[in-house]
Amino acid sequence: MGAMIDKARQAIDKVNQLGELKDKIFTEFDSERILKAAAEAENYCAQNPGAPLAGMLVSVKDLYDEAGIATTAASELLKGRAPAEADSECVRRIKAAGAIPFGRTTLSEFAYSGVGLNPHYGTPGNIFDAEGIPGGSTSGGGLTVAHGIVDLALGTDTGGSIRIPSAINGLYGIKPSRLSVPGAGIHPLAKSFDTPGPLAGDLETAIRAFEVLTDISVTPPEDAAKSLRIGVPINAFVDGLDGRVKADFAMICAKLKEAGHELIEIDFAFIAQNAILNKMLVSFEAHRIYAKDFAKLETVGDPRVLSRMKFADTLSSYEVIDAYAKRTDIVSMFGAAMADVDVMVAPTLPRMAPKIAEVEADFDNLNALMLRNTGYLNLVDACAMSMPVQIKGEVAPAALMIGAPHGHDQAILSAARLIDPLFA
């Protein structure tokens, strides 16, 4: 038996020991299919030495097409779909890099929530709290990495759906520049926002996956002692933080300054003042996909998701056109605001993960809050990542978000390589 097949078998055993959690994490899990993929990867890597993801196990969010499997978006509505005829381009790329697809993971239905609730499969807890939300929408993907089952997960990020589960589960999650990763073969929610990307347990694995997905090489920093100019937000991102998050971010900023980085305040009030545009435009684009199915979704859908789609019914054509125009202006304003810094930093989340029961009782408010900071950067079409920061005496780490304008992915990943060791 080859090493890759053996590794896949061990991971399959881990999954089978999860009990009822298994069905909350995976929408599809076929051991034979995985072992076949491991054998194929073993042969492929023998002929292609140096494959960048050789032998890595990669869970696949149930939005990415895989040949021979129906893509369901963790919904009842799409369960009867015909199997995909071909792999999505992202899945093709990770396989060509030597990786082994490992099961299809759950998500908030249609990827339309930041907390990770799913009434069809059940909502799993997070890695630190069985009663706490896992974060969404890439909930199952985050947990496959956090439980040490896979090396990385393929997720998508429309309003924070890679960074939120990464933040809650102590992972590294990268939202690349939206147009840098091919979306072919990925079931959409809102194409003006949707971005595929990886979640991983360590920075270098996340960067390697980013390079494979984007075909962009991230050069190591020439000077490990380089001083960064880092934007620190005021009037957005940092208001209304809970006590733990506020203290953690203050500590992180102090540590960055102590390490020789220059912190520069940037007023991002213009983002916060226009946050409603996210809600309007994502709802409008999702509505266009699913409106024909609303009657059926009344009986088989998650009512919380359906309600968010139906918000678009309240919008006039003028309001939608105006919202797109305003977003274009705000993207430009963000670029101008960031012109004199390398990157910006902020807490990934305004508060630590609430309990599942708490979110079920107050979904609209808590879902909006958990999406707030990450969604601000989707609004301005930024690239961004979330990284864990270990805090002495705390079980769950803090989560730091690093962001920059679209196309500046090298800047955020180079900054992460300089910042990560400060908190090791």
Protein backbone atom coordinates (compact mmCIF):
# COMPACT_ATOMS: atom_id res chain seq x y z
CA MET A 1 0.00 0.00 0.00
CA GLY A 2 1.37 3.44 -0.94
CA ALA A 3 1.87 6.25 1.54
CA MET A 4 -0.93 8.36 0.06
CA ILE A 5 -3.44 5.51 0.19
CA ASP A 6 -2.40 4.79 3.77
CA LYS A 7 -2.84 8.45 4.69
CA ALA A 8 -6.31 8.48 3.09
CA ARG A 9 -7.28 5.31 5.00
CA GLN A 10 -6.22 6.85 8.31
CA ALA A 11 -8.25 9.98 7.58
CA ILE A 12 -11.28 7.86 6.61
CA ASP A 13 -10.98 6.08 9.96
CA LYS A 14 -10.99 9.48 11.70
CA VAL A 15 -14.17 10.45 9.90
CA ASN A 16 -15.88 7.20 10.82
CA GLN A 17 -15.07 7.86 14.48
CA LEU A 18 -16.93 11.22 14.42
CA GLY A 19 -20.31 9.61 15.10
CA GLU A 20 -23.27 11.88 14.36
CA LEU A 21 -20.87 14.77 13.66
CA LYS A 22 -19.93 13.09 10.38
CA ASP A 23 -23.33 13.82 8.83
CA LYS A 24 -23.18 17.43 10.02
CA ILE A 25 -19.81 17.95 8.30
CA PHE A 26 -20.18 16.02 5.03
CA THR A 27 -22.97 16.09 2.46
CA GLU A 28 -21.28 13.17 0.65
CA PHE A 29 -18.55 10.84 1.88
CA ASP A 30 -17.56 7.87 -0.26
CA SER A 31 -14.57 5.96 1.10
CA GLU A 32 -14.08 3.96 -2.09
CA ARG A 33 -14.06 7.09 -4.21
CA ILE A 34 -11.48 8.68 -1.93
CA LEU A 35 -9.21 5.62 -1.99
CA LYS A 36 -9.43 5.53 -5.78
CA ALA A 37 -8.47 9.22 -5.90
CA ALA A 38 -5.55 8.51 -3.53
CA ALA A 39 -4.29 5.73 -5.83
CA GLU A 40 -4.57 8.04 -8.83
CA ALA A 41 -2.67 10.78 -6.97
CA GLU A 42 0.02 8.29 -5.95
CA ASN A 43 0.60 7.32 -9.58
CA TYR A 44 0.38 10.91 -10.79
CA CYS A 45 2.92 12.20 -8.25
CA ALA A 46 5.33 9.36 -9.07
CA GLN A 47 5.35 10.67 -12.64
CA ASN A 48 5.30 14.34 -11.62
CA PRO A 49 7.77 14.79 -8.76
CA GLY A 50 7.59 18.11 -6.97
CA ALA A 51 3.81 18.52 -7.36
CA PRO A 52 3.05 21.38 -4.93
CA LEU A 53 0.14 19.68 -3.10
CA ALA A 54 1.43 16.12 -3.42
CA GLY A 55 -0.57 13.75 -1.23
CA MET A 56 -2.52 16.50 0.54
CA LEU A 57 -6.11 15.67 1.47
CA VAL A 58 -8.54 18.40 0.42
CA SER A 59 -12.19 18.56 1.44
CA VAL A 60 -14.47 20.14 -1.16
CA LYS A 61 -17.34 22.49 -0.31
CA ASP A 62 -20.54 21.22 -1.92
CA LEU A 63 -20.56 24.10 -4.39
CA TYR A 64 -17.65 22.86 -6.51
CA ASP A 65 -18.44 20.45 -9.32
CA GLU A 66 -16.72 17.08 -9.19
CA ALA A 67 -17.25 14.77 -12.13
CA GLY A 68 -19.90 12.14 -11.44
CA ILE A 69 -21.33 13.83 -8.32
CA ALA A 70 -24.34 16.13 -7.98
CA THR A 71 -23.54 19.59 -6.58
CA THR A 72 -26.30 20.35 -4.05
CA ALA A 73 -25.20 23.49 -2.16
CA ALA A 74 -26.32 21.58 0.99
CA SER A 75 -29.94 22.13 -0.03
CA GLU A 76 -32.93 19.85 -0.52
CA LEU A 77 -33.83 21.79 -3.67
CA LEU A 78 -30.75 20.69 -5.62
CA LYS A 79 -30.46 17.11 -4.36
CA GLY A 80 -32.06 15.70 -7.50
CA ARG A 81 -29.64 17.39 -9.90
CA ALA A 82 -27.79 15.40 -12.51
CA PRO A 83 -24.18 14.61 -11.57
CA ALA A 84 -21.58 17.08 -12.85
CA GLU A 85 -20.03 16.05 -16.15
CA ALA A 86 -16.61 17.49 -15.31
CA ASP A 87 -14.55 18.79 -12.42
CA SER A 88 -14.68 22.51 -11.70
CA GLU A 89 -11.50 24.29 -12.72
CA CYS A 90 -10.40 24.66 -9.07
CA VAL A 91 -10.80 20.93 -8.40
CA ARG A 92 -8.92 20.19 -11.63
CA ARG A 93 -6.08 22.45 -10.46
CA ILE A 94 -5.72 20.87 -7.03
CA LYS A 95 -5.70 17.39 -8.57
CA ALA A 96 -3.08 18.52 -11.09
CA ALA A 97 -1.04 19.69 -8.08
CA GLY A 98 -1.14 16.16 -6.61
CA ALA A 99 -3.91 16.63 -4.05
CA ILE A 100 -6.62 14.09 -3.15
CA PRO A 101 -10.25 15.30 -3.00
CA PHE A 102 -11.67 14.06 0.31
CA GLY A 103 -15.44 14.24 0.67
CA ARG A 104 -17.93 17.04 0.07
CA THR A 105 -18.61 19.36 2.97
CA THR A 106 -21.70 21.02 4.38
CA LEU A 107 -22.42 24.71 4.30
CA SER A 108 -25.18 27.13 5.11
CA GLU A 109 -27.83 26.42 2.46
CA PHE A 110 -26.74 27.99 -0.86
CA ALA A 111 -23.78 29.54 1.07
CA TYR A 112 -26.10 32.29 2.30
CA SER A 113 -25.13 32.91 5.95
CA GLY A 114 -22.08 33.66 8.03
CA VAL A 115 -22.94 31.55 11.06
CA GLY A 116 -23.16 28.04 9.59
CA LEU A 117 -26.68 26.94 10.54
CA ASN A 118 -28.14 24.21 8.32
CA PRO A 119 -31.52 22.63 9.19
CA HIS A 120 -31.12 19.81 6.63
CA TYR A 121 -27.87 18.32 7.93
CA GLY A 122 -27.77 19.77 11.44
CA THR A 123 -25.37 22.41 12.69
CA PRO A 124 -22.04 21.20 14.08
CA GLY A 125 -20.31 23.03 16.92
CA ASN A 126 -16.87 24.55 16.45
CA ILE A 127 -13.58 22.91 17.38
CA PHE A 128 -13.39 24.77 20.71
CA ASP A 129 -17.05 24.61 21.75
CA ALA A 130 -19.51 21.87 20.79
CA GLU A 131 -22.37 24.30 21.43
CA GLY A 132 -20.83 27.25 19.60
CA ILE A 133 -21.46 28.08 15.94
CA PRO A 134 -18.93 26.70 13.43
CA GLY A 135 -19.01 29.84 11.27
CA GLY A 136 -20.30 29.90 7.73
CA SER A 137 -20.85 29.39 5.13
CA THR A 138 -17.86 27.01 4.78
CA SER A 139 -18.78 25.31 8.06
CA GLY A 140 -18.03 21.68 7.17
CA GLY A 141 -14.81 22.61 5.38
CA GLY A 142 -13.46 24.51 8.36
CA LEU A 143 -14.18 21.59 10.66
CA THR A 144 -12.47 19.02 8.42
CA VAL A 145 -9.26 21.02 8.79
CA ALA A 146 -9.75 21.86 12.48
CA HIS A 147 -10.32 18.19 13.35
CA GLY A 148 -7.07 17.26 11.60
CA ILE A 149 -8.85 15.14 8.99
CA VAL A 150 -7.56 16.99 5.90
CA ASP A 151 -4.66 19.29 5.09
CA LEU A 152 -6.85 21.98 3.58
CA ALA A 153 -10.38 22.76 2.48
CA LEU A 154 -11.82 24.42 -0.59
CA GLY A 155 -14.27 27.13 0.44
CA THR A 156 -15.95 30.18 -1.04
CA ASP A 157 -16.26 33.70 0.33
CA THR A 158 -19.15 36.00 -0.64
CA GLY A 159 -19.38 37.98 2.60
CA GLY A 160 -16.81 36.23 4.79
CA SER A 161 -17.54 32.54 4.26
CA ILE A 162 -13.88 31.47 4.28
CA ARG A 163 -12.63 33.91 6.91
CA ILE A 164 -15.43 33.46 9.48
CA PRO A 165 -15.07 29.67 9.96
CA SER A 166 -11.30 30.13 9.87
CA ALA A 167 -11.50 32.75 12.62
CA ILE A 168 -13.77 30.65 14.82
CA ASN A 169 -11.81 27.41 14.40
CA GLY A 170 -8.23 28.75 14.65
CA LEU A 171 -7.36 28.41 10.95
CA TYR A 172 -5.75 30.39 8.14
CA GLY A 173 -8.33 31.36 5.50
CA ILE A 174 -7.54 33.27 2.32
CA LYS A 175 -10.06 35.22 0.24
CA PRO A 176 -8.07 35.91 -2.92
CA SER A 177 -8.83 38.80 -5.25
CA ARG A 178 -12.22 37.90 -6.69
CA LEU A 179 -11.10 37.68 -10.33
CA SER A 180 -7.88 35.77 -9.64
CA VAL A 181 -9.50 32.35 -9.12
CA PRO A 182 -11.57 30.73 -11.89
CA GLY A 183 -15.21 30.32 -10.92
CA ALA A 184 -16.02 27.82 -13.69
CA GLY A 185 -17.98 24.88 -12.31
CA ILE A 186 -18.75 26.51 -8.94
CA HIS A 187 -22.42 26.97 -8.05
CA PRO A 188 -22.97 30.73 -7.59
CA LEU A 189 -24.71 32.82 -4.96
CA ALA A 190 -23.74 36.34 -6.07
CA LYS A 191 -21.18 36.45 -8.84
CA SER A 192 -20.14 40.03 -8.15
CA PHE A 193 -18.92 38.88 -4.72
CA ASP A 194 -18.26 35.09 -4.82
CA THR A 195 -14.60 34.14 -4.38
CA PRO A 196 -13.16 30.61 -4.11
CA GLY A 197 -10.23 30.07 -1.75
CA PRO A 198 -8.52 27.79 0.77
CA LEU A 199 -8.66 27.15 4.53
CA ALA A 200 -5.68 25.47 6.18
CA GLY A 201 -4.14 24.78 9.56
CA ASP A 202 -0.87 26.59 8.83
CA LEU A 203 0.12 29.61 6.77
CA GLU A 204 2.44 27.93 4.29
CA THR A 205 -0.12 25.26 3.33
CA ALA A 206 -2.70 28.00 2.79
CA ILE A 207 -0.29 29.97 0.61
CA ARG A 208 0.66 26.89 -1.40
CA ALA A 209 -3.03 26.21 -2.09
CA PHE A 210 -3.53 29.87 -3.02
CA GLU A 211 -0.70 29.61 -5.54
CA VAL A 212 -2.26 26.52 -7.12
CA LEU A 213 -5.75 28.05 -7.31
CA THR A 214 -4.62 31.42 -8.68
CA ASP A 215 -1.47 30.48 -10.62
CA ILE A 216 0.22 33.37 -8.78
CA SER A 217 3.60 32.77 -7.11
CA VAL A 218 4.03 34.37 -3.69
CA THR A 219 7.68 35.26 -3.37
CA PRO A 220 9.17 34.95 0.12
CA PRO A 221 10.00 38.32 1.72
CA GLU A 222 13.56 39.35 0.88
CA ASP A 223 13.96 40.98 4.29
CA ALA A 224 12.48 39.16 7.29
CA ALA A 225 12.93 42.37 9.30
CA LYS A 226 11.08 44.56 6.80
CA SER A 227 8.99 47.30 8.37
CA LEU A 228 5.43 47.44 7.10
CA ARG A 229 3.14 50.45 6.88
CA ILE A 230 -0.10 49.07 8.30
CA GLY A 231 -3.47 50.77 8.19
CA VAL A 232 -5.50 50.58 11.39
CA PRO A 233 -9.20 51.44 10.93
CA ILE A 234 -11.24 54.06 12.71
CA ASN A 235 -15.01 54.58 12.33
CA ALA A 236 -15.48 51.06 10.95
CA PHE A 237 -14.33 47.53 11.86
CA VAL A 238 -13.47 48.47 15.47
CA ASP A 239 -16.76 49.78 16.86
CA GLY A 240 -18.89 47.62 19.13
CA LEU A 241 -16.23 44.97 19.72
CA ASP A 242 -16.77 42.63 22.64
CA GLY A 243 -14.32 42.91 25.54
CA ARG A 244 -12.15 39.96 24.53
CA VAL A 245 -11.84 41.02 20.87
CA LYS A 246 -11.11 44.65 21.80
CA ALA A 247 -8.33 43.64 24.21
CA ASP A 248 -6.85 41.14 21.75
CA PHE A 249 -6.73 43.67 18.92
CA ALA A 250 -5.10 46.29 21.14
CA MET A 251 -2.47 43.73 22.13
CA ILE A 252 -1.87 42.75 18.49
CA CYS A 253 -1.43 46.39 17.43
CA ALA A 254 0.99 46.99 20.31
CA LYS A 255 3.01 43.94 19.28
CA LEU A 256 3.13 45.07 15.65
CA LYS A 257 4.40 48.48 16.73
CA GLU A 258 6.96 46.91 19.05
CA ALA A 259 8.22 44.81 16.12
CA GLY A 260 8.98 48.01 14.18
CA HIS A 261 5.93 48.23 11.95
CA GLU A 262 4.35 51.65 11.42
CA LEU A 263 0.65 51.87 12.28
CA ILE A 264 -1.36 54.54 10.47
CA GLU A 265 -4.99 55.32 11.26
CA ILE A 266 -7.36 55.25 8.28
CA ASP A 267 -10.92 56.53 8.43
CA PHE A 268 -13.15 53.88 6.86
CA ALA A 269 -16.46 55.50 7.81
CA PHE A 270 -17.44 55.51 4.12
CA ILE A 271 -17.49 51.69 4.18
CA ALA A 272 -19.64 51.38 7.30
CA GLN A 273 -22.05 54.02 6.02
CA ASN A 274 -22.68 51.95 2.87
CA ALA A 275 -22.80 48.45 4.39
CA ILE A 276 -26.43 48.04 3.28
CA LEU A 277 -25.16 47.70 -0.30
CA ASN A 278 -23.89 44.20 0.48
CA LYS A 279 -27.32 43.10 1.63
CA MET A 280 -29.01 44.67 -1.39
CA LEU A 281 -26.70 43.36 -4.09
CA VAL A 282 -26.17 39.83 -2.77
CA SER A 283 -29.92 39.47 -2.28
CA PHE A 284 -30.60 40.81 -5.77
CA GLU A 285 -28.12 38.40 -7.41
CA ALA A 286 -29.29 35.38 -5.37
CA HIS A 287 -32.91 36.26 -6.14
CA ARG A 288 -32.19 36.08 -9.87
CA ILE A 289 -30.89 32.52 -9.45
CA TYR A 290 -33.62 31.12 -7.20
CA ALA A 291 -36.80 33.19 -7.73
CA LYS A 292 -38.34 30.48 -9.94
CA ASP A 293 -37.93 28.03 -7.04
CA PHE A 294 -39.39 30.18 -4.25
CA ALA A 295 -42.67 28.23 -4.06
CA LYS A 296 -40.78 24.97 -3.60
CA LEU A 297 -38.34 26.57 -1.16
CA GLU A 298 -41.31 27.54 1.03
CA THR A 299 -41.56 23.84 1.88
CA VAL A 300 -38.04 22.43 1.43
CA GLY A 301 -35.81 25.45 2.07
CA ASP A 302 -34.27 27.10 5.12
CA PRO A 303 -36.74 29.92 5.90
CA ARG A 304 -33.89 32.16 7.10
CA VAL A 305 -32.18 31.88 3.71
CA LEU A 306 -35.39 32.35 1.75
CA SER A 307 -36.17 35.48 3.73
CA ARG A 308 -32.78 36.96 2.83
CA MET A 309 -33.38 36.28 -0.87
CA LYS A 310 -36.85 37.81 -0.73
CA PHE A 311 -35.39 41.07 0.57
CA ALA A 312 -34.71 41.82 -3.12
CA ASP A 313 -38.48 42.02 -3.67
CA THR A 314 -38.45 45.28 -1.69
CA LEU A 315 -35.94 46.93 -4.04
CA SER A 316 -36.80 49.00 -7.09
CA SER A 317 -34.77 48.77 -10.31
CA TYR A 318 -33.48 52.28 -9.62
CA GLU A 319 -32.26 51.29 -6.15
CA VAL A 320 -30.38 48.30 -7.57
CA ILE A 321 -28.73 50.33 -10.34
CA ASP A 322 -27.79 53.01 -7.82
CA ALA A 323 -26.34 50.38 -5.46
CA TYR A 324 -24.03 49.01 -8.16
CA ALA A 325 -22.88 52.55 -9.00
CA LYS A 326 -22.24 53.35 -5.34
CA ARG A 327 -20.25 50.14 -4.89
CA THR A 328 -18.02 51.12 -7.83
CA ASP A 329 -17.31 54.45 -6.12
CA ILE A 330 -16.59 52.80 -2.76
CA VAL A 331 -14.14 50.35 -4.33
CA SER A 332 -12.25 53.35 -5.74
CA MET A 333 -12.38 55.16 -2.39
CA PHE A 334 -10.91 52.12 -0.66
CA GLY A 335 -8.05 52.02 -3.16
CA ALA A 336 -7.34 55.71 -2.53
CA ALA A 337 -7.51 55.29 1.25
CA MET A 338 -5.00 52.42 1.08
CA ALA A 339 -2.55 54.16 -1.26
CA ASP A 340 0.02 55.00 1.44
CA VAL A 341 0.04 51.69 3.34
CA ASP A 342 1.05 48.13 2.51
CA VAL A 343 -1.97 46.45 4.12
CA MET A 344 -4.68 47.10 6.69
CA VAL A 345 -5.51 45.01 9.76
CA ALA A 346 -8.71 44.56 11.77
CA PRO A 347 -10.34 41.95 13.97
CA THR A 348 -11.86 39.32 11.68
CA LEU A 349 -14.97 39.20 13.87
CA PRO A 350 -16.50 41.82 16.21
CA ARG A 351 -17.17 39.19 18.88
CA MET A 352 -16.23 35.67 19.88
CA ALA A 353 -18.42 32.87 18.51
CA PRO A 354 -21.94 32.84 19.99
CA LYS A 355 -23.79 29.64 20.87
CA ILE A 356 -25.86 27.87 18.21
CA ALA A 357 -29.01 28.30 20.34
CA GLU A 358 -28.29 32.02 20.71
CA VAL A 359 -28.09 32.45 16.92
CA GLU A 360 -31.22 30.38 16.28
CA ALA A 361 -33.09 32.72 18.63
CA ASP A 362 -31.74 35.95 17.07
CA PHE A 363 -30.55 34.99 13.60
CA ASP A 364 -30.91 38.27 11.72
CA ASN A 365 -28.95 40.36 14.20
CA LEU A 366 -26.20 37.86 15.01
CA ASN A 367 -25.71 36.73 11.41
CA ALA A 368 -25.32 40.37 10.34
CA LEU A 369 -22.87 41.00 13.18
CA MET A 370 -20.70 37.97 12.38
CA LEU A 371 -20.57 39.03 8.71
CA ARG A 372 -19.89 42.69 9.42
CA ASN A 373 -16.11 43.05 9.33
CA THR A 374 -15.47 40.46 6.65
CA GLY A 375 -18.36 41.80 4.54
CA TYR A 376 -16.89 45.30 4.60
CA LEU A 377 -13.94 43.95 2.60
CA ASN A 378 -16.19 42.07 0.17
CA LEU A 379 -18.05 45.34 -0.40
CA VAL A 380 -14.82 47.07 -1.48
CA ASP A 381 -13.78 44.02 -3.58
CA ALA A 382 -10.62 43.55 -1.51
CA CYS A 383 -8.38 40.55 -1.10
CA ALA A 384 -8.08 39.44 2.51
CA MET A 385 -7.17 36.68 4.91
CA SER A 386 -7.81 35.66 8.48
CA MET A 387 -5.04 34.27 10.66
CA PRO A 388 -5.15 32.92 14.23
CA VAL A 389 -3.26 34.64 17.04
CA GLN A 390 -2.67 32.56 20.16
CA ILE A 391 -3.58 34.38 23.36
CA LYS A 392 -2.00 33.32 26.63
CA GLY A 393 -4.52 31.70 28.96
CA GLU A 394 -7.24 31.39 26.28
CA VAL A 395 -8.30 28.21 24.50
CA ALA A 396 -9.74 29.83 21.38
CA PRO A 397 -7.24 32.11 19.59
CA ALA A 398 -7.88 35.64 18.44
CA ALA A 399 -8.39 36.18 14.70
CA LEU A 400 -6.60 38.92 12.77
CA MET A 401 -7.79 40.01 9.34
CA ILE A 402 -5.29 41.43 6.84
CA GLY A 403 -6.69 43.22 3.78
CA ALA A 404 -5.65 45.17 0.70
CA PRO A 405 -7.25 46.37 -2.55
CA HIS A 406 -8.11 43.91 -5.32
CA GLY A 407 -4.96 42.58 -6.97
CA HIS A 408 -2.69 43.10 -3.96
CA ASP A 409 -2.71 39.46 -2.83
CA GLN A 410 1.10 39.36 -2.69
CA ALA A 411 1.02 42.21 -0.18
CA ILE A 412 -1.35 40.50 2.29
CA LEU A 413 0.42 37.13 2.10
CA SER A 414 3.88 38.68 2.43
CA ALA A 415 2.62 40.67 5.41
CA ALA A 416 1.19 37.50 6.95
CA ARG A 417 4.60 35.85 6.68
CA LEU A 418 6.12 38.75 8.63
CA ILE A 419 3.32 38.96 11.21
CA ASP A 420 2.68 35.26 11.90
CA PRO A 421 6.02 34.58 13.67
CA LEU A 422 5.39 37.46 16.10
CA PHE A 423 2.65 35.42 17.76
CA ALA A 424 4.09 31.92 17.54
